[in-house]
């Protein structure tokens, strides 16, 4: 019997001005075990996802296709603590787990760069996949089909408080409201904010972070899709946090803070709102995908 257990972190993408560029791994995880066998089977997920279309299996298969080997039968056990369709990288985590597992079980020895590139062909964007594999804060770009990623180190004092509502928001729906073109001044605005944000995150400068977590490319169009967004922002400001943005495509709302009591204060304050908001107090995962192989 050969099997591997892979743990992959949640990720928050965009971070406002870093639309389709930035991603950060967080201390919330999906844990998947891949055991070679005859045929394909699953446990730990809904019947609707127990098919070859499962993203963990898609990630698994793409590695074997790349190395020119037949995809072996496998049982995939899924423990998913990352909420689905909430803007915390659940799809990327499944793809990364599958590719990581196949690379180990096949003995292919592919580099992490190659795994990111292979799974990006499925996901479409590397912004969530790069931090899922590498950990930490990443900036990624696609040029001539090649993925380029650089890593940054957020200040250790930063807490990423994620507020996820009791309703989903699909990435497709969130992308459908974006304009096909934006004014030149808005592109310049975002470029300036992104440049400042990266250094501010490394320095832990909350004044600069709060100012740089604004953008004109996606958040103004997506905010109306997130019921009670303005209420969450108002409560966060009342509790002393101005560094607020949409996590990924939403509907999770992200607050960056250095206050260890902020998450508890938000939990109490949001209890009065119409929707139920789950508050998670998270740090940066600096390791990314990890696996333990059993033979």
C-alpha atoms as a PDB file:
ATOM      1  CA  UNK A   1       0.000   0.000   0.000  1.00  0.00           C
ATOM      2  CA  UNK A   2       1.230   3.472  -0.861  1.00  0.00           C
ATOM      3  CA  UNK A   3      -0.445   6.547   0.490  1.00  0.00           C
ATOM      4  CA  UNK A   4       0.268  10.144   1.341  1.00  0.00           C
ATOM      5  CA  UNK A   5      -1.471  12.653   3.575  1.00  0.00           C
ATOM      6  CA  UNK A   6      -1.229  16.243   2.364  1.00  0.00           C
ATOM      7  CA  UNK A   7      -2.094  19.388   4.308  1.00  0.00           C
ATOM      8  CA  UNK A   8      -2.704  22.576   2.315  1.00  0.00           C
ATOM      9  CA  UNK A   9      -3.436  26.037   3.757  1.00  0.00           C
ATOM     10  CA  UNK A  10      -6.305  28.325   2.951  1.00  0.00           C
ATOM     11  CA  UNK A  11      -5.388  31.386   0.936  1.00  0.00           C
ATOM     12  CA  UNK A  12      -6.693  34.910   0.636  1.00  0.00           C
ATOM     13  CA  UNK A  13      -6.173  36.436  -2.793  1.00  0.00           C
ATOM     14  CA  UNK A  14      -6.153  39.972  -4.189  1.00  0.00           C
ATOM     15  CA  UNK A  15      -5.724  41.890  -0.930  1.00  0.00           C
ATOM     16  CA  UNK A  16      -7.545  44.773  -2.615  1.00  0.00           C
ATOM     17  CA  UNK A  17      -5.068  46.425  -5.021  1.00  0.00           C
ATOM     18  CA  UNK A  18      -3.363  43.094  -5.743  1.00  0.00           C
ATOM     19  CA  UNK A  19      -6.230  41.900  -7.932  1.00  0.00           C
ATOM     20  CA  UNK A  20      -5.290  38.574  -9.590  1.00  0.00           C
ATOM     21  CA  UNK A  21      -1.711  39.112  -8.353  1.00  0.00           C
ATOM     22  CA  UNK A  22      -1.368  38.727  -4.580  1.00  0.00           C
ATOM     23  CA  UNK A  23      -2.151  35.734  -2.407  1.00  0.00           C
ATOM     24  CA  UNK A  24      -1.392  34.893   1.199  1.00  0.00           C
ATOM     25  CA  UNK A  25      -1.475  31.492   2.924  1.00  0.00           C
ATOM     26  CA  UNK A  26      -3.376  31.371   6.208  1.00  0.00           C
ATOM     27  CA  UNK A  27      -3.478  28.981   9.168  1.00  0.00           C
ATOM     28  CA  UNK A  28      -6.639  27.140   8.135  1.00  0.00           C
ATOM     29  CA  UNK A  29      -6.265  23.814   6.327  1.00  0.00           C
ATOM     30  CA  UNK A  30      -7.630  21.062   4.146  1.00  0.00           C
ATOM     31  CA  UNK A  31      -6.101  17.655   4.861  1.00  0.00           C
ATOM     32  CA  UNK A  32      -6.357  14.958   2.196  1.00  0.00           C
ATOM     33  CA  UNK A  33      -5.122  11.372   2.145  1.00  0.00           C
ATOM     34  CA  UNK A  34      -4.449   9.657  -1.196  1.00  0.00           C
ATOM     35  CA  UNK A  35      -4.203   5.830  -1.119  1.00  0.00           C
ATOM     36  CA  UNK A  36      -3.389   3.897  -4.287  1.00  0.00           C
ATOM     37  CA  UNK A  37      -5.909   1.144  -5.122  1.00  0.00           C
ATOM     38  CA  UNK A  38      -8.011  -0.257  -7.941  1.00  0.00           C
ATOM     39  CA  UNK A  39     -10.451   2.334  -9.273  1.00  0.00           C
ATOM     40  CA  UNK A  40     -11.448   5.761  -7.967  1.00  0.00           C
ATOM     41  CA  UNK A  41     -13.303   6.378  -4.704  1.00  0.00           C
ATOM     42  CA  UNK A  42     -13.783   9.129  -2.151  1.00  0.00           C
ATOM     43  CA  UNK A  43     -14.707   9.672   1.471  1.00  0.00           C
ATOM     44  CA  UNK A  44     -15.327  12.797   3.506  1.00  0.00           C
ATOM     45  CA  UNK A  45     -17.108  14.785   0.800  1.00  0.00           C
ATOM     46  CA  UNK A  46     -20.622  15.000  -0.576  1.00  0.00           C
ATOM     47  CA  UNK A  47     -21.685  12.419  -3.173  1.00  0.00           C
ATOM     48  CA  UNK A  48     -22.041  15.209  -5.722  1.00  0.00           C
ATOM     49  CA  UNK A  49     -18.251  15.707  -5.652  1.00  0.00           C
ATOM     50  CA  UNK A  50     -17.283  12.032  -5.793  1.00  0.00           C
ATOM     51  CA  UNK A  51     -16.394  11.914  -9.473  1.00  0.00           C
ATOM     52  CA  UNK A  52     -13.404  12.491 -11.793  1.00  0.00           C
ATOM     53  CA  UNK A  53     -14.426  16.173 -11.815  1.00  0.00           C
ATOM     54  CA  UNK A  54     -13.364  16.500  -8.178  1.00  0.00           C
ATOM     55  CA  UNK A  55     -10.621  19.143  -8.076  1.00  0.00           C
ATOM     56  CA  UNK A  56      -8.345  17.017  -5.905  1.00  0.00           C
ATOM     57  CA  UNK A  57      -8.506  14.288  -8.539  1.00  0.00           C
ATOM     58  CA  UNK A  58      -8.024  16.861 -11.307  1.00  0.00           C
ATOM     59  CA  UNK A  59      -4.826  18.031  -9.626  1.00  0.00           C
ATOM     60  CA  UNK A  60      -3.755  14.412  -9.143  1.00  0.00           C
ATOM     61  CA  UNK A  61      -4.425  13.524 -12.781  1.00  0.00           C
ATOM     62  CA  UNK A  62      -2.669  16.527 -14.316  1.00  0.00           C
ATOM     63  CA  UNK A  63       0.690  15.434 -12.904  1.00  0.00           C
ATOM     64  CA  UNK A  64       0.409  11.918 -14.367  1.00  0.00           C
ATOM     65  CA  UNK A  65      -0.647  13.383 -17.714  1.00  0.00           C
ATOM     66  CA  UNK A  66       2.405  15.665 -17.646  1.00  0.00           C
ATOM     67  CA  UNK A  67       4.841  12.807 -17.013  1.00  0.00           C
ATOM     68  CA  UNK A  68       3.131  10.545 -19.531  1.00  0.00           C
ATOM     69  CA  UNK A  69       1.927   7.889 -17.098  1.00  0.00           C
ATOM     70  CA  UNK A  70      -1.518   6.342 -16.734  1.00  0.00           C
ATOM     71  CA  UNK A  71      -3.402   7.728 -13.759  1.00  0.00           C
ATOM     72  CA  UNK A  72      -3.561   5.008 -11.106  1.00  0.00           C
ATOM     73  CA  UNK A  73      -6.642   4.130  -9.103  1.00  0.00           C
ATOM     74  CA  UNK A  74      -6.833   6.082  -5.873  1.00  0.00           C
ATOM     75  CA  UNK A  75      -8.991   6.572  -2.814  1.00  0.00           C
ATOM     76  CA  UNK A  76      -9.150  10.226  -1.735  1.00  0.00           C
ATOM     77  CA  UNK A  77     -10.167  11.005   1.830  1.00  0.00           C
ATOM     78  CA  UNK A  78     -10.987  14.677   2.327  1.00  0.00           C
ATOM     79  CA  UNK A  79     -11.079  16.624   5.557  1.00  0.00           C
ATOM     80  CA  UNK A  80     -12.063  20.103   4.403  1.00  0.00           C
ATOM     81  CA  UNK A  81     -11.877  22.834   7.028  1.00  0.00           C
ATOM     82  CA  UNK A  82     -11.642  25.577   4.392  1.00  0.00           C
ATOM     83  CA  UNK A  83     -15.200  26.730   3.604  1.00  0.00           C
ATOM     84  CA  UNK A  84     -16.346  26.359  -0.004  1.00  0.00           C
ATOM     85  CA  UNK A  85     -17.239  29.377  -2.170  1.00  0.00           C
ATOM     86  CA  UNK A  86     -16.224  31.834   0.540  1.00  0.00           C
ATOM     87  CA  UNK A  87     -13.120  33.426  -0.986  1.00  0.00           C
ATOM     88  CA  UNK A  88     -10.544  31.455   1.006  1.00  0.00           C
ATOM     89  CA  UNK A  89      -8.999  29.354  -1.740  1.00  0.00           C
ATOM     90  CA  UNK A  90     -10.839  26.066  -1.239  1.00  0.00           C
ATOM     91  CA  UNK A  91     -10.520  25.135  -4.942  1.00  0.00           C
ATOM     92  CA  UNK A  92      -6.799  25.895  -5.037  1.00  0.00           C
ATOM     93  CA  UNK A  93      -6.232  23.842  -1.879  1.00  0.00           C
ATOM     94  CA  UNK A  94      -7.805  20.763  -3.484  1.00  0.00           C
ATOM     95  CA  UNK A  95      -5.852  21.176  -6.712  1.00  0.00           C
ATOM     96  CA  UNK A  96      -2.597  21.690  -4.819  1.00  0.00           C
ATOM     97  CA  UNK A  97      -3.197  18.638  -2.630  1.00  0.00           C
ATOM     98  CA  UNK A  98      -3.848  16.429  -5.643  1.00  0.00           C
ATOM     99  CA  UNK A  99      -0.792  17.594  -7.556  1.00  0.00           C
ATOM    100  CA  UNK A 100       1.446  17.329  -4.496  1.00  0.00           C
ATOM    101  CA  UNK A 101       0.228  13.783  -3.823  1.00  0.00           C
ATOM    102  CA  UNK A 102       0.699  12.623  -7.417  1.00  0.00           C
ATOM    103  CA  UNK A 103       4.194  14.085  -7.549  1.00  0.00           C
ATOM    104  CA  UNK A 104       5.172  12.141  -4.426  1.00  0.00           C
ATOM    105  CA  UNK A 105       3.426   8.854  -5.232  1.00  0.00           C
ATOM    106  CA  UNK A 106       4.683   8.758  -8.824  1.00  0.00           C
ATOM    107  CA  UNK A 107       8.241   9.632  -7.846  1.00  0.00           C
ATOM    108  CA  UNK A 108       8.231  12.263 -10.603  1.00  0.00           C
ATOM    109  CA  UNK A 109      10.253  14.751  -8.568  1.00  0.00           C
ATOM    110  CA  UNK A 110       8.694  17.772 -10.273  1.00  0.00           C
ATOM    111  CA  UNK A 111       9.614  21.168  -8.871  1.00  0.00           C
ATOM    112  CA  UNK A 112       7.084  23.276  -7.004  1.00  0.00           C
ATOM    113  CA  UNK A 113       7.287  25.791  -9.838  1.00  0.00           C
ATOM    114  CA  UNK A 114       6.140  23.064 -12.239  1.00  0.00           C
ATOM    115  CA  UNK A 115       3.273  22.013  -9.958  1.00  0.00           C
ATOM    116  CA  UNK A 116       2.081  25.614  -9.759  1.00  0.00           C
ATOM    117  CA  UNK A 117       2.222  25.905 -13.553  1.00  0.00           C
ATOM    118  CA  UNK A 118       0.321  22.631 -14.124  1.00  0.00           C
ATOM    119  CA  UNK A 119      -2.476  23.475 -11.713  1.00  0.00           C
ATOM    120  CA  UNK A 120      -2.714  27.058 -12.985  1.00  0.00           C
ATOM    121  CA  UNK A 121      -3.797  25.609 -16.329  1.00  0.00           C
ATOM    122  CA  UNK A 122      -6.847  24.219 -14.514  1.00  0.00           C
ATOM    123  CA  UNK A 123      -7.515  27.104 -12.104  1.00  0.00           C
ATOM    124  CA  UNK A 124      -6.806  29.869 -14.597  1.00  0.00           C
ATOM    125  CA  UNK A 125      -4.919  32.103 -12.150  1.00  0.00           C
ATOM    126  CA  UNK A 126      -1.902  31.439  -9.900  1.00  0.00           C
ATOM    127  CA  UNK A 127      -2.839  33.953  -7.179  1.00  0.00           C
ATOM    128  CA  UNK A 128      -4.290  31.306  -4.821  1.00  0.00           C
ATOM    129  CA  UNK A 129      -2.187  28.370  -6.004  1.00  0.00           C
ATOM    130  CA  UNK A 130       1.204  29.999  -5.415  1.00  0.00           C
ATOM    131  CA  UNK A 131       0.697  30.628  -1.673  1.00  0.00           C
ATOM    132  CA  UNK A 132      -1.039  27.251  -1.288  1.00  0.00           C
ATOM    133  CA  UNK A 133       2.161  25.564  -2.494  1.00  0.00           C
ATOM    134  CA  UNK A 134       4.814  27.958  -1.183  1.00  0.00           C
ATOM    135  CA  UNK A 135       3.173  29.473   1.890  1.00  0.00           C
ATOM    136  CA  UNK A 136       3.549  33.109   2.903  1.00  0.00           C
ATOM    137  CA  UNK A 137       2.625  36.138   0.835  1.00  0.00           C
ATOM    138  CA  UNK A 138       3.178  35.787  -2.906  1.00  0.00           C
ATOM    139  CA  UNK A 139       2.890  37.932  -5.999  1.00  0.00           C
ATOM    140  CA  UNK A 140       2.434  36.008  -9.244  1.00  0.00           C
ATOM    141  CA  UNK A 141       2.112  36.794 -12.913  1.00  0.00           C
ATOM    142  CA  UNK A 142       1.557  34.910 -16.163  1.00  0.00           C
ATOM    143  CA  UNK A 143       3.785  35.790 -19.095  1.00  0.00           C
ATOM    144  CA  UNK A 144       3.785  33.779 -22.335  1.00  0.00           C
ATOM    145  CA  UNK A 145       2.185  30.885 -20.460  1.00  0.00           C
ATOM    146  CA  UNK A 146       4.886  30.879 -17.773  1.00  0.00           C
ATOM    147  CA  UNK A 147       4.083  31.516 -14.101  1.00  0.00           C
ATOM    148  CA  UNK A 148       6.472  33.792 -12.222  1.00  0.00           C
ATOM    149  CA  UNK A 149       6.164  34.043  -8.437  1.00  0.00           C
ATOM    150  CA  UNK A 150       8.010  36.080  -5.816  1.00  0.00           C
ATOM    151  CA  UNK A 151       7.591  35.755  -2.057  1.00  0.00           C
ATOM    152  CA  UNK A 152       7.253  38.389   0.651  1.00  0.00           C
ATOM    153  CA  UNK A 153       7.267  38.068   4.439  1.00  0.00           C
ATOM    154  CA  UNK A 154       4.403  39.858   6.228  1.00  0.00           C
ATOM    155  CA  UNK A 155       5.244  41.322   9.612  1.00  0.00           C
ATOM    156  CA  UNK A 156       4.743  38.689  12.359  1.00  0.00           C
ATOM    157  CA  UNK A 157       2.503  41.023  14.372  1.00  0.00           C
ATOM    158  CA  UNK A 158      -0.224  40.972  11.708  1.00  0.00           C
ATOM    159  CA  UNK A 159      -3.420  39.020  12.315  1.00  0.00           C
ATOM    160  CA  UNK A 160      -5.752  38.175   9.449  1.00  0.00           C
ATOM    161  CA  UNK A 161      -9.282  38.115  10.837  1.00  0.00           C
ATOM    162  CA  UNK A 162     -11.606  36.501   8.292  1.00  0.00           C
ATOM    163  CA  UNK A 163     -15.367  36.950   8.566  1.00  0.00           C
ATOM    164  CA  UNK A 164     -17.293  34.408   6.484  1.00  0.00           C
ATOM    165  CA  UNK A 165     -21.077  34.691   6.138  1.00  0.00           C
ATOM    166  CA  UNK A 166     -23.715  31.980   5.982  1.00  0.00           C
ATOM    167  CA  UNK A 167     -24.111  32.423   2.203  1.00  0.00           C
ATOM    168  CA  UNK A 168     -21.751  31.543  -0.678  1.00  0.00           C
ATOM    169  CA  UNK A 169     -20.588  33.645  -3.606  1.00  0.00           C
ATOM    170  CA  UNK A 170     -19.251  31.873  -6.675  1.00  0.00           C
ATOM    171  CA  UNK A 171     -16.138  33.203  -8.376  1.00  0.00           C
ATOM    172  CA  UNK A 172     -18.069  33.175 -11.654  1.00  0.00           C
ATOM    173  CA  UNK A 173     -20.748  35.476 -10.231  1.00  0.00           C
ATOM    174  CA  UNK A 174     -18.125  37.760  -8.687  1.00  0.00           C
ATOM    175  CA  UNK A 175     -16.272  38.031 -12.013  1.00  0.00           C
ATOM    176  CA  UNK A 176     -19.445  38.643 -13.998  1.00  0.00           C
ATOM    177  CA  UNK A 177     -19.918  42.106 -12.457  1.00  0.00           C
ATOM    178  CA  UNK A 178     -16.423  43.344 -13.356  1.00  0.00           C
ATOM    179  CA  UNK A 179     -16.091  45.852 -16.206  1.00  0.00           C
ATOM    180  CA  UNK A 180     -14.341  44.911 -19.445  1.00  0.00           C
ATOM    181  CA  UNK A 181     -12.213  48.078 -19.269  1.00  0.00           C
ATOM    182  CA  UNK A 182     -11.285  50.650 -16.627  1.00  0.00           C
ATOM    183  CA  UNK A 183     -10.046  54.255 -16.885  1.00  0.00           C
ATOM    184  CA  UNK A 184      -6.285  54.765 -17.154  1.00  0.00           C
ATOM    185  CA  UNK A 185      -6.255  56.721 -13.872  1.00  0.00           C
ATOM    186  CA  UNK A 186      -7.781  53.731 -12.056  1.00  0.00           C
ATOM    187  CA  UNK A 187      -5.018  51.439 -13.322  1.00  0.00           C
ATOM    188  CA  UNK A 188      -2.401  53.924 -12.080  1.00  0.00           C
ATOM    189  CA  UNK A 189      -4.227  54.206  -8.744  1.00  0.00           C
ATOM    190  CA  UNK A 190      -4.089  50.434  -8.245  1.00  0.00           C
ATOM    191  CA  UNK A 191      -0.459  50.165  -9.262  1.00  0.00           C
ATOM    192  CA  UNK A 192       0.536  52.779  -6.698  1.00  0.00           C
ATOM    193  CA  UNK A 193      -1.507  51.166  -3.939  1.00  0.00           C
ATOM    194  CA  UNK A 194      -0.084  47.719  -4.685  1.00  0.00           C
ATOM    195  CA  UNK A 195       3.504  48.979  -4.508  1.00  0.00           C
ATOM    196  CA  UNK A 196       2.911  50.630  -1.131  1.00  0.00           C
ATOM    197  CA  UNK A 197       0.915  47.693   0.233  1.00  0.00           C
ATOM    198  CA  UNK A 198       3.713  45.156  -0.247  1.00  0.00           C
ATOM    199  CA  UNK A 199       6.269  47.092   1.786  1.00  0.00           C
ATOM    200  CA  UNK A 200       3.637  48.117   4.357  1.00  0.00           C
ATOM    201  CA  UNK A 201       2.753  44.460   4.963  1.00  0.00           C
ATOM    202  CA  UNK A 202       6.411  43.603   5.494  1.00  0.00           C
ATOM    203  CA  UNK A 203       6.871  46.527   7.879  1.00  0.00           C
ATOM    204  CA  UNK A 204       3.578  46.023   9.724  1.00  0.00           C
ATOM    205  CA  UNK A 205       2.702  49.692   9.170  1.00  0.00           C
ATOM    206  CA  UNK A 206      -1.041  49.731   9.876  1.00  0.00           C
ATOM    207  CA  UNK A 207      -1.538  53.316   8.687  1.00  0.00           C
ATOM    208  CA  UNK A 208      -0.071  52.494   5.289  1.00  0.00           C
ATOM    209  CA  UNK A 209      -1.818  49.111   5.122  1.00  0.00           C
ATOM    210  CA  UNK A 210      -5.199  50.716   5.800  1.00  0.00           C
ATOM    211  CA  UNK A 211      -4.656  53.307   3.070  1.00  0.00           C
ATOM    212  CA  UNK A 212      -3.245  50.800   0.552  1.00  0.00           C
ATOM    213  CA  UNK A 213      -6.119  48.300   0.999  1.00  0.00           C
ATOM    214  CA  UNK A 214      -8.230  50.263  -1.443  1.00  0.00           C
ATOM    215  CA  UNK A 215      -8.663  49.638  -5.120  1.00  0.00           C
ATOM    216  CA  UNK A 216     -10.740  50.605  -8.129  1.00  0.00           C
ATOM    217  CA  UNK A 217     -10.567  47.406 -10.181  1.00  0.00           C
ATOM    218  CA  UNK A 218     -12.806  44.912  -8.382  1.00  0.00           C
ATOM    219  CA  UNK A 219     -13.984  45.769  -4.872  1.00  0.00           C
ATOM    220  CA  UNK A 220     -16.383  48.614  -5.815  1.00  0.00           C
ATOM    221  CA  UNK A 221     -18.184  46.207  -8.175  1.00  0.00           C
ATOM    222  CA  UNK A 222     -18.239  43.230  -5.810  1.00  0.00           C
ATOM    223  CA  UNK A 223     -19.213  44.956  -2.573  1.00  0.00           C
ATOM    224  CA  UNK A 224     -22.939  45.112  -3.534  1.00  0.00           C
ATOM    225  CA  UNK A 225     -22.923  41.297  -3.914  1.00  0.00           C
ATOM    226  CA  UNK A 226     -21.962  40.862  -0.240  1.00  0.00           C
ATOM    227  CA  UNK A 227     -24.961  41.538   1.960  1.00  0.00           C
ATOM    228  CA  UNK A 228     -24.003  43.443   5.140  1.00  0.00           C
ATOM    229  CA  UNK A 229     -20.550  44.367   3.809  1.00  0.00           C
ATOM    230  CA  UNK A 230     -21.010  47.974   4.889  1.00  0.00           C
ATOM    231  CA  UNK A 231     -22.208  46.817   8.311  1.00  0.00           C
ATOM    232  CA  UNK A 232     -19.088  44.692   8.778  1.00  0.00           C
ATOM    233  CA  UNK A 233     -16.847  47.563   7.705  1.00  0.00           C
ATOM    234  CA  UNK A 234     -18.631  49.954  10.061  1.00  0.00           C
ATOM    235  CA  UNK A 235     -18.267  47.566  12.999  1.00  0.00           C
ATOM    236  CA  UNK A 236     -14.578  47.006  12.181  1.00  0.00           C
ATOM    237  CA  UNK A 237     -13.975  50.764  12.164  1.00  0.00           C
ATOM    238  CA  UNK A 238     -15.775  51.101  15.478  1.00  0.00           C
ATOM    239  CA  UNK A 239     -13.444  48.434  16.898  1.00  0.00           C
ATOM    240  CA  UNK A 240     -10.382  50.318  15.672  1.00  0.00           C
ATOM    241  CA  UNK A 241      -9.579  48.511  12.396  1.00  0.00           C
ATOM    242  CA  UNK A 242      -9.551  50.440   9.108  1.00  0.00           C
ATOM    243  CA  UNK A 243      -7.661  47.748   7.167  1.00  0.00           C
ATOM    244  CA  UNK A 244     -10.639  45.967   5.599  1.00  0.00           C
ATOM    245  CA  UNK A 245     -10.970  44.276   2.206  1.00  0.00           C
ATOM    246  CA  UNK A 246     -12.738  41.448   0.388  1.00  0.00           C
ATOM    247  CA  UNK A 247     -10.978  38.091   0.627  1.00  0.00           C
ATOM    248  CA  UNK A 248     -10.564  36.709  -2.873  1.00  0.00           C
ATOM    249  CA  UNK A 249     -13.817  37.050  -4.776  1.00  0.00           C
ATOM    250  CA  UNK A 250     -15.779  37.125  -1.493  1.00  0.00           C
ATOM    251  CA  UNK A 251     -18.024  36.887   0.365  1.00  0.00           C
ATOM    252  CA  UNK A 252     -15.487  36.545   3.204  1.00  0.00           C
ATOM    253  CA  UNK A 253     -14.368  39.933   4.489  1.00  0.00           C
ATOM    254  CA  UNK A 254     -10.801  40.280   5.721  1.00  0.00           C
ATOM    255  CA  UNK A 255      -9.610  42.587   8.497  1.00  0.00           C
ATOM    256  CA  UNK A 256      -5.880  43.061   9.115  1.00  0.00           C
ATOM    257  CA  UNK A 257      -4.996  44.013  12.663  1.00  0.00           C
ATOM    258  CA  UNK A 258      -2.341  43.838  15.352  1.00  0.00           C
ATOM    259  CA  UNK A 259      -4.926  43.789  18.144  1.00  0.00           C
ATOM    260  CA  UNK A 260      -5.109  40.287  19.719  1.00  0.00           C
ATOM    261  CA  UNK A 261      -8.601  41.025  21.043  1.00  0.00           C
ATOM    262  CA  UNK A 262     -10.070  42.203  17.748  1.00  0.00           C
ATOM    263  CA  UNK A 263     -11.508  38.848  16.635  1.00  0.00           C
ATOM    264  CA  UNK A 264     -13.386  38.362  19.911  1.00  0.00           C
ATOM    265  CA  UNK A 265     -14.763  41.895  19.684  1.00  0.00           C
ATOM    266  CA  UNK A 266     -15.981  41.270  16.127  1.00  0.00           C
ATOM    267  CA  UNK A 267     -17.582  37.971  17.119  1.00  0.00           C
ATOM    268  CA  UNK A 268     -19.639  39.737  19.770  1.00  0.00           C
ATOM    269  CA  UNK A 269     -20.512  42.720  17.580  1.00  0.00           C
ATOM    270  CA  UNK A 270     -21.577  40.737  14.501  1.00  0.00           C
ATOM    271  CA  UNK A 271     -23.937  38.570  16.556  1.00  0.00           C
ATOM    272  CA  UNK A 272     -26.497  41.371  16.176  1.00  0.00           C
ATOM    273  CA  UNK A 273     -26.443  41.278  12.370  1.00  0.00           C
ATOM    274  CA  UNK A 274     -28.986  39.468  10.206  1.00  0.00           C
ATOM    275  CA  UNK A 275     -26.536  36.942   8.764  1.00  0.00           C
ATOM    276  CA  UNK A 276     -24.399  34.603  10.835  1.00  0.00           C
ATOM    277  CA  UNK A 277     -20.737  35.546  10.390  1.00  0.00           C
ATOM    278  CA  UNK A 278     -18.043  33.063  11.371  1.00  0.00           C
ATOM    279  CA  UNK A 279     -15.005  34.908  12.652  1.00  0.00           C
ATOM    280  CA  UNK A 280     -11.600  33.233  12.276  1.00  0.00           C
ATOM    281  CA  UNK A 281      -8.458  34.702  13.826  1.00  0.00           C
ATOM    282  CA  UNK A 282      -5.682  33.556  11.493  1.00  0.00           C
ATOM    283  CA  UNK A 283      -1.946  34.048  11.082  1.00  0.00           C
ATOM    284  CA  UNK A 284       0.222  33.646   7.990  1.00  0.00           C
ATOM    285  CA  UNK A 285       1.168  30.066   7.108  1.00  0.00           C
ATOM    286  CA  UNK A 286       4.786  30.320   5.991  1.00  0.00           C
ATOM    287  CA  UNK A 287       5.233  26.697   4.854  1.00  0.00           C
ATOM    288  CA  UNK A 288       2.515  25.893   2.315  1.00  0.00           C
ATOM    289  CA  UNK A 289       1.581  22.374   1.198  1.00  0.00           C
ATOM    290  CA  UNK A 290       3.171  19.567   3.238  1.00  0.00           C
ATOM    291  CA  UNK A 291       2.914  15.814   2.914  1.00  0.00           C
ATOM    292  CA  UNK A 292       3.730  12.635   4.801  1.00  0.00           C
ATOM    293  CA  UNK A 293       4.338   9.622   2.544  1.00  0.00           C
ATOM    294  CA  UNK A 294       3.664   6.061   3.724  1.00  0.00           C
ATOM    295  CA  UNK A 295       4.882   2.969   1.845  1.00  0.00           C
END
